[in-house]
Amino acid sequence: MGNLLGNGKFEIEADGVKIMVSEHTVQDQQVYRLIFNDKRPPLVITRASTWHGKTWTSIPQGRQQEAETFGQIVTQYLDRR
Protein backbone atom coordinates (compact mmCIF):
# COMPACT_ATOMS: atom_id res chain seq x y z
CA MET A 1 0.00 0.00 0.00
CA GLY A 2 1.25 3.45 -0.85
CA ASN A 3 1.82 6.44 1.31
CA LEU A 4 -1.53 7.65 2.66
CA LEU A 5 -1.46 11.10 4.23
CA GLY A 6 -4.50 13.06 5.31
CA ASN A 7 -4.38 16.58 3.85
CA GLY A 8 -7.63 18.11 5.02
CA LYS A 9 -11.38 17.85 5.31
CA PHE A 10 -14.20 20.05 4.13
CA GLU A 11 -17.93 19.88 3.50
CA ILE A 12 -19.80 20.55 0.27
CA GLU A 13 -23.47 20.32 -0.65
CA ALA A 14 -25.21 19.16 -3.83
CA ASP A 15 -28.97 18.92 -4.40
CA GLY A 16 -29.61 19.14 -0.65
CA VAL A 17 -27.14 16.34 0.16
CA LYS A 18 -24.28 17.19 2.51
CA ILE A 19 -20.99 15.57 1.58
CA MET A 20 -17.92 15.32 3.83
CA VAL A 21 -14.78 15.36 1.69
CA SER A 22 -11.37 14.24 2.90
CA GLU A 23 -8.29 14.90 0.81
CA HIS A 24 -5.45 12.36 0.71
CA THR A 25 -2.18 11.80 -1.11
CA VAL A 26 -1.65 8.25 -2.37
CA GLN A 27 1.61 7.58 -4.22
CA ASP A 28 1.98 11.28 -5.12
CA GLN A 29 -1.62 11.57 -6.41
CA GLN A 30 -4.39 13.62 -4.80
CA VAL A 31 -7.54 11.64 -4.13
CA TYR A 32 -10.75 12.72 -2.46
CA ARG A 33 -13.02 10.48 -0.39
CA LEU A 34 -16.63 11.64 -0.31
CA ILE A 35 -19.01 10.52 2.42
CA PHE A 36 -22.67 11.32 1.75
CA ASN A 37 -25.32 11.98 4.40
CA ASP A 38 -28.00 10.21 2.29
CA LYS A 39 -26.58 6.72 3.01
CA ARG A 40 -25.14 6.03 -0.48
CA PRO A 41 -21.72 4.30 -0.42
CA PRO A 42 -18.62 6.51 -0.08
CA LEU A 43 -17.00 7.60 -3.33
CA VAL A 44 -13.27 8.04 -4.01
CA ILE A 45 -12.37 10.35 -6.91
CA THR A 46 -9.24 11.74 -8.53
CA ARG A 47 -8.29 13.87 -11.53
CA ALA A 48 -7.17 11.99 -14.63
CA SER A 49 -5.55 13.30 -17.79
CA THR A 50 -7.13 12.10 -21.04
CA TRP A 51 -6.91 13.01 -24.71
CA HIS A 52 -9.81 15.39 -24.07
CA GLY A 53 -8.14 17.11 -21.11
CA LYS A 54 -8.47 16.57 -17.38
CA THR A 55 -11.52 14.82 -15.99
CA TRP A 56 -12.65 13.38 -12.69
CA THR A 57 -12.81 9.60 -12.33
CA SER A 58 -13.88 7.20 -9.60
CA ILE A 59 -11.62 4.69 -7.86
CA PRO A 60 -12.40 1.94 -8.57
CA GLN A 61 -14.04 2.72 -11.88
CA GLY A 62 -17.79 2.30 -12.21
CA ARG A 63 -19.22 5.52 -10.76
CA GLN A 64 -18.02 7.86 -13.50
CA GLN A 65 -21.14 10.01 -13.65
CA GLU A 66 -20.99 10.73 -9.92
CA ALA A 67 -17.23 11.35 -10.12
CA GLU A 68 -17.71 14.00 -12.80
CA THR A 69 -20.65 15.65 -11.04
CA PHE A 70 -19.14 15.82 -7.57
CA GLY A 71 -15.62 16.44 -8.89
CA GLN A 72 -16.83 19.71 -10.43
CA ILE A 73 -18.21 20.76 -7.04
CA VAL A 74 -14.92 19.83 -5.35
CA THR A 75 -13.05 21.89 -7.97
CA GLN A 76 -15.26 24.91 -7.27
CA TYR A 77 -14.61 24.57 -3.54
CA LEU A 78 -10.83 24.21 -4.01
CA ASP A 79 -10.69 27.22 -6.36
CA ARG A 80 -12.31 29.37 -3.63
CA ARG A 81 -9.99 28.42 -0.78
PDB file of N, CA and C in Angstrom:
ATOM      1  N   MET A   1       0.838  -1.175   0.000  1.00  0.00           N
ATOM      2  CA  MET A   1       0.000   0.000   0.000  1.00  0.00           C
ATOM      3  C   MET A   1       0.880   1.233   0.000  1.00  0.00           C
ATOM      4  N   GLY A   2       0.458   2.252  -0.717  1.00  0.00           N
ATOM      5  CA  GLY A   2       1.248   3.455  -0.851  1.00  0.00           C
ATOM      6  C   GLY A   2       1.147   4.357   0.355  1.00  0.00           C
ATOM      7  N   ASN A   3       1.842   5.440   0.273  1.00  0.00           N
ATOM      8  CA  ASN A   3       1.822   6.441   1.312  1.00  0.00           C
ATOM      9  C   ASN A   3       0.430   7.085   1.363  1.00  0.00           C
ATOM     10  N   LEU A   4      -0.192   7.082   2.516  1.00  0.00           N
ATOM     11  CA  LEU A   4      -1.529   7.646   2.661  1.00  0.00           C
ATOM     12  C   LEU A   4      -1.473   8.722   3.730  1.00  0.00           C
ATOM     13  N   LEU A   5      -1.546   9.979   3.311  1.00  0.00           N
ATOM     14  CA  LEU A   5      -1.460  11.103   4.229  1.00  0.00           C
ATOM     15  C   LEU A   5      -2.740  11.914   4.156  1.00  0.00           C
ATOM     16  N   GLY A   6      -3.318  12.209   5.287  1.00  0.00           N
ATOM     17  CA  GLY A   6      -4.500  13.062   5.308  1.00  0.00           C
ATOM     18  C   GLY A   6      -4.099  14.505   5.086  1.00  0.00           C
ATOM     19  N   ASN A   7      -4.740  15.207   4.164  1.00  0.00           N
ATOM     20  CA  ASN A   7      -4.378  16.581   3.847  1.00  0.00           C
ATOM     21  C   ASN A   7      -5.418  17.591   4.285  1.00  0.00           C
ATOM     22  N   GLY A   8      -6.619  17.161   4.607  1.00  0.00           N
ATOM     23  CA  GLY A   8      -7.632  18.110   5.025  1.00  0.00           C
ATOM     24  C   GLY A   8      -9.023  17.566   4.800  1.00  0.00           C
ATOM     25  N   LYS A   9      -9.980  18.223   5.458  1.00  0.00           N
ATOM     26  CA  LYS A   9     -11.383  17.848   5.311  1.00  0.00           C
ATOM     27  C   LYS A   9     -12.193  19.106   5.103  1.00  0.00           C
ATOM     28  N   PHE A  10     -13.270  18.958   4.332  1.00  0.00           N
ATOM     29  CA  PHE A  10     -14.198  20.049   4.129  1.00  0.00           C
ATOM     30  C   PHE A  10     -15.555  19.473   3.762  1.00  0.00           C
ATOM     31  N   GLU A  11     -16.577  20.325   3.804  1.00  0.00           N
ATOM     32  CA  GLU A  11     -17.933  19.876   3.499  1.00  0.00           C
ATOM     33  C   GLU A  11     -18.460  20.652   2.303  1.00  0.00           C
ATOM     34  N   ILE A  12     -19.127  19.938   1.407  1.00  0.00           N
ATOM     35  CA  ILE A  12     -19.798  20.551   0.271  1.00  0.00           C
ATOM     36  C   ILE A  12     -21.253  20.096   0.282  1.00  0.00           C
ATOM     37  N   GLU A  13     -22.059  20.710  -0.563  1.00  0.00           N
ATOM     38  CA  GLU A  13     -23.469  20.318  -0.649  1.00  0.00           C
ATOM     39  C   GLU A  13     -23.879  20.284  -2.113  1.00  0.00           C
ATOM     40  N   ALA A  14     -24.702  19.288  -2.468  1.00  0.00           N
ATOM     41  CA  ALA A  14     -25.214  19.157  -3.833  1.00  0.00           C
ATOM     42  C   ALA A  14     -26.623  18.617  -3.767  1.00  0.00           C
ATOM     43  N   ASP A  15     -27.564  19.340  -4.357  1.00  0.00           N
ATOM     44  CA  ASP A  15     -28.968  18.921  -4.398  1.00  0.00           C
ATOM     45  C   ASP A  15     -29.498  18.565  -3.010  1.00  0.00           C
ATOM     46  N   GLY A  16     -29.124  19.353  -2.010  1.00  0.00           N
ATOM     47  CA  GLY A  16     -29.611  19.140  -0.655  1.00  0.00           C
ATOM     48  C   GLY A  16     -28.901  18.037   0.111  1.00  0.00           C
ATOM     49  N   VAL A  17     -27.897  17.416  -0.493  1.00  0.00           N
ATOM     50  CA  VAL A  17     -27.139  16.342   0.157  1.00  0.00           C
ATOM     51  C   VAL A  17     -25.827  16.922   0.664  1.00  0.00           C
ATOM     52  N   LYS A  18     -25.554  16.751   1.951  1.00  0.00           N
ATOM     53  CA  LYS A  18     -24.277  17.187   2.514  1.00  0.00           C
ATOM     54  C   LYS A  18     -23.246  16.087   2.302  1.00  0.00           C
ATOM     55  N   ILE A  19     -22.051  16.508   1.931  1.00  0.00           N
ATOM     56  CA  ILE A  19     -20.986  15.572   1.580  1.00  0.00           C
ATOM     57  C   ILE A  19     -19.717  15.982   2.325  1.00  0.00           C
ATOM     58  N   MET A  20     -19.193  15.075   3.155  1.00  0.00           N
ATOM     59  CA  MET A  20     -17.923  15.317   3.833  1.00  0.00           C
ATOM     60  C   MET A  20     -16.818  14.814   2.914  1.00  0.00           C
ATOM     61  N   VAL A  21     -15.869  15.685   2.614  1.00  0.00           N
ATOM     62  CA  VAL A  21     -14.781  15.361   1.691  1.00  0.00           C
ATOM     63  C   VAL A  21     -13.473  15.352   2.465  1.00  0.00           C
ATOM     64  N   SER A  22     -12.715  14.275   2.328  1.00  0.00           N
ATOM     65  CA  SER A  22     -11.373  14.244   2.905  1.00  0.00           C
ATOM     66  C   SER A  22     -10.378  14.079   1.773  1.00  0.00           C
ATOM     67  N   GLU A  23      -9.324  14.872   1.845  1.00  0.00           N
ATOM     68  CA  GLU A  23      -8.290  14.898   0.806  1.00  0.00           C
ATOM     69  C   GLU A  23      -7.106  14.059   1.274  1.00  0.00           C
ATOM     70  N   HIS A  24      -6.574  13.248   0.377  1.00  0.00           N
ATOM     71  CA  HIS A  24      -5.452  12.365   0.705  1.00  0.00           C
ATOM     72  C   HIS A  24      -4.446  12.361  -0.434  1.00  0.00           C
ATOM     73  N   THR A  25      -3.213  12.011  -0.103  1.00  0.00           N
ATOM     74  CA  THR A  25      -2.183  11.802  -1.109  1.00  0.00           C
ATOM     75  C   THR A  25      -1.822  10.320  -1.098  1.00  0.00           C
ATOM     76  N   VAL A  26      -1.985   9.673  -2.235  1.00  0.00           N
ATOM     77  CA  VAL A  26      -1.652   8.254  -2.372  1.00  0.00           C
ATOM     78  C   VAL A  26      -0.660   8.135  -3.521  1.00  0.00           C
ATOM     79  N   GLN A  27       0.548   7.706  -3.217  1.00  0.00           N
ATOM     80  CA  GLN A  27       1.608   7.584  -4.223  1.00  0.00           C
ATOM     81  C   GLN A  27       1.695   8.835  -5.097  1.00  0.00           C
ATOM     82  N   ASP A  28       1.815   9.983  -4.464  1.00  0.00           N
ATOM     83  CA  ASP A  28       1.979  11.282  -5.123  1.00  0.00           C
ATOM     84  C   ASP A  28       0.768  11.735  -5.933  1.00  0.00           C
ATOM     85  N   GLN A  29      -0.398  11.151  -5.709  1.00  0.00           N
ATOM     86  CA  GLN A  29      -1.618  11.568  -6.410  1.00  0.00           C
ATOM     87  C   GLN A  29      -2.661  12.008  -5.396  1.00  0.00           C
ATOM     88  N   GLN A  30      -3.312  13.141  -5.670  1.00  0.00           N
ATOM     89  CA  GLN A  30      -4.385  13.622  -4.802  1.00  0.00           C
ATOM     90  C   GLN A  30      -5.652  12.828  -5.073  1.00  0.00           C
ATOM     91  N   VAL A  31      -6.251  12.307  -4.027  1.00  0.00           N
ATOM     92  CA  VAL A  31      -7.542  11.636  -4.125  1.00  0.00           C
ATOM     93  C   VAL A  31      -8.463  12.235  -3.080  1.00  0.00           C
ATOM     94  N   TYR A  32      -9.745  12.156  -3.345  1.00  0.00           N
ATOM     95  CA  TYR A  32     -10.755  12.725  -2.456  1.00  0.00           C
ATOM     96  C   TYR A  32     -11.775  11.646  -2.134  1.00  0.00           C
ATOM     97  N   ARG A  33     -12.028  11.463  -0.838  1.00  0.00           N
ATOM     98  CA  ARG A  33     -13.023  10.482  -0.390  1.00  0.00           C
ATOM     99  C   ARG A  33     -14.259  11.256   0.042  1.00  0.00           C
ATOM    100  N   LEU A  34     -15.383  10.948  -0.579  1.00  0.00           N
ATOM    101  CA  LEU A  34     -16.635  11.640  -0.314  1.00  0.00           C
ATOM    102  C   LEU A  34     -17.555  10.729   0.479  1.00  0.00           C
ATOM    103  N   ILE A  35     -18.058  11.249   1.595  1.00  0.00           N
ATOM    104  CA  ILE A  35     -19.015  10.517   2.424  1.00  0.00           C
ATOM    105  C   ILE A  35     -20.315  11.316   2.409  1.00  0.00           C
ATOM    106  N   PHE A  36     -21.377  10.669   1.949  1.00  0.00           N
ATOM    107  CA  PHE A  36     -22.669  11.315   1.746  1.00  0.00           C
ATOM    108  C   PHE A  36     -23.574  11.125   2.967  1.00  0.00           C
ATOM    109  N   ASN A  37     -24.405  12.128   3.267  1.00  0.00           N
ATOM    110  CA  ASN A  37     -25.320  11.976   4.396  1.00  0.00           C
ATOM    111  C   ASN A  37     -26.632  11.301   3.997  1.00  0.00           C
ATOM    112  N   ASP A  38     -26.770  10.878   2.728  1.00  0.00           N
ATOM    113  CA  ASP A  38     -27.998  10.207   2.295  1.00  0.00           C
ATOM    114  C   ASP A  38     -27.824   8.681   2.204  1.00  0.00           C
ATOM    115  N   LYS A  39     -26.796   8.170   2.850  1.00  0.00           N
ATOM    116  CA  LYS A  39     -26.582   6.718   3.006  1.00  0.00           C
ATOM    117  C   LYS A  39     -26.055   6.000   1.767  1.00  0.00           C
ATOM    118  N   ARG A  40     -25.759   6.718   0.662  1.00  0.00           N
ATOM    119  CA  ARG A  40     -25.142   6.032  -0.476  1.00  0.00           C
ATOM    120  C   ARG A  40     -23.695   5.680  -0.100  1.00  0.00           C
ATOM    121  N   PRO A  41     -23.093   4.704  -0.766  1.00  0.00           N
ATOM    122  CA  PRO A  41     -21.724   4.297  -0.418  1.00  0.00           C
ATOM    123  C   PRO A  41     -20.730   5.444  -0.639  1.00  0.00           C
ATOM    124  N   PRO A  42     -19.648   5.494   0.149  1.00  0.00           N
ATOM    125  CA  PRO A  42     -18.618   6.511  -0.081  1.00  0.00           C
ATOM    126  C   PRO A  42     -18.066   6.404  -1.497  1.00  0.00           C
ATOM    127  N   LEU A  43     -17.541   7.513  -1.975  1.00  0.00           N
ATOM    128  CA  LEU A  43     -16.997   7.600  -3.330  1.00  0.00           C
ATOM    129  C   LEU A  43     -15.586   8.163  -3.243  1.00  0.00           C
ATOM    130  N   VAL A  44     -14.633   7.540  -3.926  1.00  0.00           N
ATOM    131  CA  VAL A  44     -13.268   8.045  -4.012  1.00  0.00           C
ATOM    132  C   VAL A  44     -13.048   8.520  -5.444  1.00  0.00           C
ATOM    133  N   ILE A  45     -12.573   9.773  -5.583  1.00  0.00           N
ATOM    134  CA  ILE A  45     -12.367  10.347  -6.910  1.00  0.00           C
ATOM    135  C   ILE A  45     -10.971  10.952  -7.013  1.00  0.00           C
ATOM    136  N   THR A  46     -10.512  11.088  -8.244  1.00  0.00           N
ATOM    137  CA  THR A  46      -9.242  11.743  -8.533  1.00  0.00           C
ATOM    138  C   THR A  46      -9.308  12.362  -9.918  1.00  0.00           C
ATOM    139  N   ARG A  47      -8.366  13.270 -10.197  1.00  0.00           N
ATOM    140  CA  ARG A  47      -8.290  13.868 -11.529  1.00  0.00           C
ATOM    141  C   ARG A  47      -7.459  12.969 -12.428  1.00  0.00           C
ATOM    142  N   ALA A  48      -7.899  12.803 -13.660  1.00  0.00           N
ATOM    143  CA  ALA A  48      -7.173  11.987 -14.630  1.00  0.00           C
ATOM    144  C   ALA A  48      -6.973  12.794 -15.911  1.00  0.00           C
ATOM    145  N   SER A  49      -5.833  12.646 -16.506  1.00  0.00           N
ATOM    146  CA  SER A  49      -5.553  13.303 -17.792  1.00  0.00           C
ATOM    147  C   SER A  49      -5.933  12.363 -18.921  1.00  0.00           C
ATOM    148  N   THR A  50      -6.708  12.883 -19.874  1.00  0.00           N
ATOM    149  CA  THR A  50      -7.127  12.100 -21.035  1.00  0.00           C
ATOM    150  C   THR A  50      -6.805  12.895 -22.299  1.00  0.00           C
ATOM    151  N   TRP A  51      -7.097  12.300 -23.450  1.00  0.00           N
ATOM    152  CA  TRP A  51      -6.910  13.012 -24.711  1.00  0.00           C
ATOM    153  C   TRP A  51      -7.784  14.261 -24.785  1.00  0.00           C
ATOM    154  N   HIS A  52      -8.867  14.268 -24.045  1.00  0.00           N
ATOM    155  CA  HIS A  52      -9.807  15.389 -24.068  1.00  0.00           C
ATOM    156  C   HIS A  52      -9.552  16.376 -22.945  1.00  0.00           C
ATOM    157  N   GLY A  53      -8.460  16.224 -22.222  1.00  0.00           N
ATOM    158  CA  GLY A  53      -8.142  17.106 -21.108  1.00  0.00           C
ATOM    159  C   GLY A  53      -8.312  16.383 -19.784  1.00  0.00           C
ATOM    160  N   LYS A  54      -8.317  17.165 -18.704  1.00  0.00           N
ATOM    161  CA  LYS A  54      -8.465  16.569 -17.379  1.00  0.00           C
ATOM    162  C   LYS A  54      -9.928  16.292 -17.083  1.00  0.00           C
ATOM    163  N   THR A  55     -10.175  15.190 -16.389  1.00  0.00           N
ATOM    164  CA  THR A  55     -11.522  14.816 -15.994  1.00  0.00           C
ATOM    165  C   THR A  55     -11.452  14.156 -14.624  1.00  0.00           C
ATOM    166  N   TRP A  56     -12.566  14.086 -13.963  1.00  0.00           N
ATOM    167  CA  TRP A  56     -12.654  13.377 -12.689  1.00  0.00           C
ATOM    168  C   TRP A  56     -13.047  11.932 -12.957  1.00  0.00           C
ATOM    169  N   THR A  57     -12.470  11.017 -12.197  1.00  0.00           N
ATOM    170  CA  THR A  57     -12.805   9.602 -12.333  1.00  0.00           C
ATOM    171  C   THR A  57     -12.926   8.967 -10.958  1.00  0.00           C
ATOM    172  N   SER A  58     -13.698   7.892 -10.877  1.00  0.00           N
ATOM    173  CA  SER A  58     -13.883   7.199  -9.597  1.00  0.00           C
ATOM    174  C   SER A  58     -12.848   6.094  -9.445  1.00  0.00           C
ATOM    175  N   ILE A  59     -12.533   5.794  -8.202  1.00  0.00           N
ATOM    176  CA  ILE A  59     -11.621   4.694  -7.862  1.00  0.00           C
ATOM    177  C   ILE A  59     -12.365   3.789  -6.895  1.00  0.00           C
ATOM    178  N   PRO A  60     -12.619   2.538  -7.251  1.00  0.00           N
ATOM    179  CA  PRO A  60     -12.398   1.941  -8.566  1.00  0.00           C
ATOM    180  C   PRO A  60     -13.397   2.513  -9.572  1.00  0.00           C
ATOM    181  N   GLN A  61     -13.154   2.227 -10.835  1.00  0.00           N
ATOM    182  CA  GLN A  61     -14.043   2.725 -11.879  1.00  0.00           C
ATOM    183  C   GLN A  61     -15.438   2.134 -11.703  1.00  0.00           C
ATOM    184  N   GLY A  62     -16.430   2.817 -12.280  1.00  0.00           N
ATOM    185  CA  GLY A  62     -17.790   2.303 -12.213  1.00  0.00           C
ATOM    186  C   GLY A  62     -18.804   3.346 -11.771  1.00  0.00           C
ATOM    187  N   ARG A  63     -18.315   4.446 -11.201  1.00  0.00           N
ATOM    188  CA  ARG A  63     -19.222   5.516 -10.763  1.00  0.00           C
ATOM    189  C   ARG A  63     -18.808   6.824 -11.442  1.00  0.00           C
ATOM    190  N   GLN A  64     -18.559   6.732 -12.746  1.00  0.00           N
ATOM    191  CA  GLN A  64     -18.023   7.856 -13.499  1.00  0.00           C
ATOM    192  C   GLN A  64     -18.934   9.079 -13.474  1.00  0.00           C
ATOM    193  N   GLN A  65     -20.214   8.874 -13.631  1.00  0.00           N
ATOM    194  CA  GLN A  65     -21.145  10.009 -13.649  1.00  0.00           C
ATOM    195  C   GLN A  65     -21.076  10.786 -12.342  1.00  0.00           C
ATOM    196  N   GLU A  66     -21.092  10.068 -11.218  1.00  0.00           N
ATOM    197  CA  GLU A  66     -20.989  10.731  -9.916  1.00  0.00           C
ATOM    198  C   GLU A  66     -19.632  11.416  -9.769  1.00  0.00           C
ATOM    199  N   ALA A  67     -18.566  10.771 -10.231  1.00  0.00           N
ATOM    200  CA  ALA A  67     -17.226  11.353 -10.123  1.00  0.00           C
ATOM    201  C   ALA A  67     -17.164  12.696 -10.850  1.00  0.00           C
ATOM    202  N   GLU A  68     -17.722  12.759 -12.040  1.00  0.00           N
ATOM    203  CA  GLU A  68     -17.706  14.004 -12.799  1.00  0.00           C
ATOM    204  C   GLU A  68     -18.558  15.077 -12.126  1.00  0.00           C
ATOM    205  N   THR A  69     -19.747  14.698 -11.674  1.00  0.00           N
ATOM    206  CA  THR A  69     -20.649  15.651 -11.040  1.00  0.00           C
ATOM    207  C   THR A  69     -20.051  16.225  -9.762  1.00  0.00           C
ATOM    208  N   PHE A  70     -19.641  15.347  -8.853  1.00  0.00           N
ATOM    209  CA  PHE A  70     -19.136  15.815  -7.566  1.00  0.00           C
ATOM    210  C   PHE A  70     -17.722  16.369  -7.693  1.00  0.00           C
ATOM    211  N   GLY A  71     -16.950  15.893  -8.658  1.00  0.00           N
ATOM    212  CA  GLY A  71     -15.623  16.439  -8.893  1.00  0.00           C
ATOM    213  C   GLY A  71     -15.676  17.911  -9.276  1.00  0.00           C
ATOM    214  N   GLN A  72     -16.668  18.299 -10.063  1.00  0.00           N
ATOM    215  CA  GLN A  72     -16.830  19.705 -10.428  1.00  0.00           C
ATOM    216  C   GLN A  72     -17.115  20.558  -9.198  1.00  0.00           C
ATOM    217  N   ILE A  73     -17.897  20.029  -8.271  1.00  0.00           N
ATOM    218  CA  ILE A  73     -18.209  20.763  -7.040  1.00  0.00           C
ATOM    219  C   ILE A  73     -16.961  20.868  -6.163  1.00  0.00           C
ATOM    220  N   VAL A  74     -16.181  19.794  -6.097  1.00  0.00           N
ATOM    221  CA  VAL A  74     -14.918  19.828  -5.350  1.00  0.00           C
ATOM    222  C   VAL A  74     -13.985  20.873  -5.970  1.00  0.00           C
ATOM    223  N   THR A  75     -13.895  20.905  -7.287  1.00  0.00           N
ATOM    224  CA  THR A  75     -13.053  21.887  -7.974  1.00  0.00           C
ATOM    225  C   THR A  75     -13.470  23.303  -7.608  1.00  0.00           C
ATOM    226  N   GLN A  76     -14.766  23.580  -7.627  1.00  0.00           N
ATOM    227  CA  GLN A  76     -15.260  24.910  -7.275  1.00  0.00           C
ATOM    228  C   GLN A  76     -14.860  25.275  -5.851  1.00  0.00           C
ATOM    229  N   TYR A  77     -14.989  24.320  -4.927  1.00  0.00           N
ATOM    230  CA  TYR A  77     -14.609  24.567  -3.545  1.00  0.00           C
ATOM    231  C   TYR A  77     -13.102  24.863  -3.449  1.00  0.00           C
ATOM    232  N   LEU A  78     -12.287  24.044  -4.092  1.00  0.00           N
ATOM    233  CA  LEU A  78     -10.833  24.210  -4.011  1.00  0.00           C
ATOM    234  C   LEU A  78     -10.377  25.529  -4.637  1.00  0.00           C
ATOM    235  N   ASP A  79     -11.047  25.953  -5.701  1.00  0.00           N
ATOM    236  CA  ASP A  79     -10.690  27.221  -6.356  1.00  0.00           C
ATOM    237  C   ASP A  79     -10.985  28.408  -5.457  1.00  0.00           C
ATOM    238  N   ARG A  80     -11.931  28.267  -4.526  1.00  0.00           N
ATOM    239  CA  ARG A  80     -12.307  29.368  -3.632  1.00  0.00           C
ATOM    240  C   ARG A  80     -11.426  29.450  -2.398  1.00  0.00           C
ATOM    241  N   ARG A  81     -10.737  28.361  -2.043  1.00  0.00           N
ATOM    242  CA  ARG A  81      -9.992  28.420  -0.780  1.00  0.00           C
ATOM    243  C   ARG A  81      -8.624  29.002  -0.928  1.00  0.00           C
TER     244      ARG A  81
END
